Amino acid sequence: MRLAPGEPRDAAAVDAPWEALPDAQIVDGTPSTRFVDVDEGDGRVIGVWEHSPGVSTDVEADEVFVVLAGDATMEFVDPVLAPIHLAPGAIVRLTEGMRTVWTVRESLRKVYIAP
């Protein structure tokens, strides 16, 4: 799929089903996620990802993301870094293999760009 030059896509209109996270990733609550890749090519992927309220763990891929909606805290387990607050406008760079904990208080929506 490719974005057409000059044609907008609505990042709030994620057309993908919610999927429960594996039990091993759930720390608290019943969080689920969904995503859709909106553009692929030239060695990168652009997509929209959402996480419902709850706490989960993840092992990250290389990406840069911008938070569009929601409220969350991201903790870095490996490497150990200071926790960050995620709210609309936050821009974050992750590297492959980072181990994180996501505490989502209000459904989080982000646009990501990954190689």
C-alpha atoms as a PDB file:
ATOM      1  CA  MET A   1       0.000   0.000   0.000  1.00  0.00           C
ATOM      2  CA  ARG A   2       1.257   3.495  -0.760  1.00  0.00           C
ATOM      3  CA  LEU A   3       0.020   6.911   0.231  1.00  0.00           C
ATOM      4  CA  ALA A   4      -0.832   8.890  -2.857  1.00  0.00           C
ATOM      5  CA  PRO A   5       0.963  12.254  -3.011  1.00  0.00           C
ATOM      6  CA  GLY A   6      -1.385  15.028  -1.963  1.00  0.00           C
ATOM      7  CA  GLU A   7      -4.131  12.661  -0.712  1.00  0.00           C
ATOM      8  CA  PRO A   8      -4.680  12.753   3.044  1.00  0.00           C
ATOM      9  CA  ARG A   9      -5.434   9.676   5.159  1.00  0.00           C
ATOM     10  CA  ASP A  10      -7.386   9.981   8.405  1.00  0.00           C
ATOM     11  CA  ALA A  11      -5.152   8.637  11.177  1.00  0.00           C
ATOM     12  CA  ALA A  12      -8.180   8.529  13.487  1.00  0.00           C
ATOM     13  CA  ALA A  13      -9.934   6.074  11.178  1.00  0.00           C
ATOM     14  CA  VAL A  14      -7.890   2.961  11.948  1.00  0.00           C
ATOM     15  CA  ASP A  15      -9.694   0.235  10.051  1.00  0.00           C
ATOM     16  CA  ALA A  16      -8.377  -2.808  11.902  1.00  0.00           C
ATOM     17  CA  PRO A  17      -9.845  -5.111  14.550  1.00  0.00           C
ATOM     18  CA  TRP A  18      -8.747  -4.896  18.168  1.00  0.00           C
ATOM     19  CA  GLU A  19      -6.612  -7.889  19.134  1.00  0.00           C
ATOM     20  CA  ALA A  20      -6.036  -9.132  22.670  1.00  0.00           C
ATOM     21  CA  LEU A  21      -2.418  -9.145  23.736  1.00  0.00           C
ATOM     22  CA  PRO A  22      -0.799 -12.462  24.658  1.00  0.00           C
ATOM     23  CA  ASP A  23      -1.135 -13.214  28.386  1.00  0.00           C
ATOM     24  CA  ALA A  24       2.654 -13.054  28.755  1.00  0.00           C
ATOM     25  CA  GLN A  25       2.578  -9.356  27.751  1.00  0.00           C
ATOM     26  CA  ILE A  26      -0.298  -8.294  30.041  1.00  0.00           C
ATOM     27  CA  VAL A  27       0.689  -6.806  33.385  1.00  0.00           C
ATOM     28  CA  ASP A  28      -2.689  -5.336  34.414  1.00  0.00           C
ATOM     29  CA  GLY A  29      -6.165  -4.987  32.952  1.00  0.00           C
ATOM     30  CA  THR A  30      -7.242  -6.325  29.569  1.00  0.00           C
ATOM     31  CA  PRO A  31      -5.341  -4.187  27.063  1.00  0.00           C
ATOM     32  CA  SER A  32      -5.608  -4.819  23.352  1.00  0.00           C
ATOM     33  CA  THR A  33      -3.961  -3.287  20.311  1.00  0.00           C
ATOM     34  CA  ARG A  34      -4.667  -2.667  16.667  1.00  0.00           C
ATOM     35  CA  PHE A  35      -2.687  -1.242  13.790  1.00  0.00           C
ATOM     36  CA  VAL A  36      -2.757  -0.617  10.088  1.00  0.00           C
ATOM     37  CA  ASP A  37       0.179   0.084   7.801  1.00  0.00           C
ATOM     38  CA  VAL A  38      -0.820   2.995   5.589  1.00  0.00           C
ATOM     39  CA  ASP A  39       2.310   3.191   3.433  1.00  0.00           C
ATOM     40  CA  GLU A  40       5.156   0.807   2.619  1.00  0.00           C
ATOM     41  CA  GLY A  41       8.089   1.282   0.330  1.00  0.00           C
ATOM     42  CA  ASP A  42      11.470   2.920  -0.021  1.00  0.00           C
ATOM     43  CA  GLY A  43      12.749   0.799   2.878  1.00  0.00           C
ATOM     44  CA  ARG A  44      10.205   1.971   5.465  1.00  0.00           C
ATOM     45  CA  VAL A  45       6.678   1.487   6.781  1.00  0.00           C
ATOM     46  CA  ILE A  46       4.290   4.195   8.032  1.00  0.00           C
ATOM     47  CA  GLY A  47       1.358   3.086  10.126  1.00  0.00           C
ATOM     48  CA  VAL A  48      -1.151   3.892  12.837  1.00  0.00           C
ATOM     49  CA  TRP A  49      -1.143   1.892  16.102  1.00  0.00           C
ATOM     50  CA  GLU A  50      -3.514   1.957  19.086  1.00  0.00           C
ATOM     51  CA  HIS A  51      -3.362   0.491  22.602  1.00  0.00           C
ATOM     52  CA  SER A  52      -6.444   0.378  24.857  1.00  0.00           C
ATOM     53  CA  PRO A  53      -6.222   1.111  28.617  1.00  0.00           C
ATOM     54  CA  GLY A  54      -4.180  -1.326  30.658  1.00  0.00           C
ATOM     55  CA  VAL A  55      -0.538  -2.231  31.289  1.00  0.00           C
ATOM     56  CA  SER A  56       1.568  -4.345  28.957  1.00  0.00           C
ATOM     57  CA  THR A  57       5.163  -5.187  28.130  1.00  0.00           C
ATOM     58  CA  ASP A  58       6.803  -5.162  24.724  1.00  0.00           C
ATOM     59  CA  VAL A  59      10.087  -5.671  22.911  1.00  0.00           C
ATOM     60  CA  GLU A  60      10.404  -2.784  20.500  1.00  0.00           C
ATOM     61  CA  ALA A  61      11.411  -2.455  16.866  1.00  0.00           C
ATOM     62  CA  ASP A  62      13.319   0.461  15.351  1.00  0.00           C
ATOM     63  CA  GLU A  63      10.805   3.249  14.896  1.00  0.00           C
ATOM     64  CA  VAL A  64       9.954   6.888  15.414  1.00  0.00           C
ATOM     65  CA  PHE A  65       6.409   7.705  16.482  1.00  0.00           C
ATOM     66  CA  VAL A  66       4.210  10.705  17.161  1.00  0.00           C
ATOM     67  CA  VAL A  67       1.362  10.412  19.671  1.00  0.00           C
ATOM     68  CA  LEU A  68      -1.935  11.631  18.245  1.00  0.00           C
ATOM     69  CA  ALA A  69      -4.287  10.866  21.145  1.00  0.00           C
ATOM     70  CA  GLY A  70      -4.369   9.338  24.603  1.00  0.00           C
ATOM     71  CA  ASP A  71      -2.476   9.369  27.863  1.00  0.00           C
ATOM     72  CA  ALA A  72       0.182   6.852  28.892  1.00  0.00           C
ATOM     73  CA  THR A  73       3.520   6.315  30.568  1.00  0.00           C
ATOM     74  CA  MET A  74       6.295   4.336  28.929  1.00  0.00           C
ATOM     75  CA  GLU A  75       8.940   2.750  31.146  1.00  0.00           C
ATOM     76  CA  PHE A  76      12.228   1.452  29.797  1.00  0.00           C
ATOM     77  CA  VAL A  77      13.303  -1.842  31.366  1.00  0.00           C
ATOM     78  CA  ASP A  78      16.278  -2.551  29.090  1.00  0.00           C
ATOM     79  CA  PRO A  79      18.104  -0.332  28.645  1.00  0.00           C
ATOM     80  CA  VAL A  80      17.077   1.383  31.859  1.00  0.00           C
ATOM     81  CA  LEU A  81      15.992   4.935  31.054  1.00  0.00           C
ATOM     82  CA  ALA A  82      13.736   7.440  32.802  1.00  0.00           C
ATOM     83  CA  PRO A  83       9.994   6.853  32.216  1.00  0.00           C
ATOM     84  CA  ILE A  84       8.326   9.199  29.747  1.00  0.00           C
ATOM     85  CA  HIS A  85       4.822  10.629  29.591  1.00  0.00           C
ATOM     86  CA  LEU A  86       3.011  10.030  26.306  1.00  0.00           C
ATOM     87  CA  ALA A  87       0.392  12.589  25.286  1.00  0.00           C
ATOM     88  CA  PRO A  88      -0.592  14.187  21.968  1.00  0.00           C
ATOM     89  CA  GLY A  89       2.432  15.737  20.310  1.00  0.00           C
ATOM     90  CA  ALA A  90       5.076  13.510  21.946  1.00  0.00           C
ATOM     91  CA  ILE A  91       7.720  12.313  19.479  1.00  0.00           C
ATOM     92  CA  VAL A  92       9.711   9.220  20.510  1.00  0.00           C
ATOM     93  CA  ARG A  93      12.527   7.207  18.936  1.00  0.00           C
ATOM     94  CA  LEU A  94      12.839   3.512  19.828  1.00  0.00           C
ATOM     95  CA  THR A  95      15.554   1.057  18.877  1.00  0.00           C
ATOM     96  CA  GLU A  96      15.193  -2.630  18.169  1.00  0.00           C
ATOM     97  CA  GLY A  97      15.291  -4.818  21.248  1.00  0.00           C
ATOM     98  CA  MET A  98      14.315  -2.200  23.833  1.00  0.00           C
ATOM     99  CA  ARG A  99      12.160  -3.790  26.528  1.00  0.00           C
ATOM    100  CA  THR A 100       9.331  -1.512  27.667  1.00  0.00           C
ATOM    101  CA  VAL A 101       6.268  -1.323  29.882  1.00  0.00           C
ATOM    102  CA  TRP A 102       3.274   0.664  28.599  1.00  0.00           C
ATOM    103  CA  THR A 103       0.810   2.003  31.199  1.00  0.00           C
ATOM    104  CA  VAL A 104      -2.086   3.324  29.146  1.00  0.00           C
ATOM    105  CA  ARG A 105      -4.708   5.360  31.004  1.00  0.00           C
ATOM    106  CA  GLU A 106      -6.606   6.627  27.930  1.00  0.00           C
ATOM    107  CA  SER A 107      -6.449   4.773  24.599  1.00  0.00           C
ATOM    108  CA  LEU A 108      -3.189   5.706  22.910  1.00  0.00           C
ATOM    109  CA  ARG A 109      -2.985   6.331  19.154  1.00  0.00           C
ATOM    110  CA  LYS A 110       0.306   6.945  17.382  1.00  0.00           C
ATOM    111  CA  VAL A 111       1.652   7.264  13.855  1.00  0.00           C
ATOM    112  CA  TYR A 112       4.912   5.362  13.428  1.00  0.00           C
ATOM    113  CA  ILE A 113       7.644   5.240  10.844  1.00  0.00           C
ATOM    114  CA  ALA A 114       9.808   2.117  10.848  1.00  0.00           C
ATOM    115  CA  PRO A 115      12.569   0.936   8.540  1.00  0.00           C
END
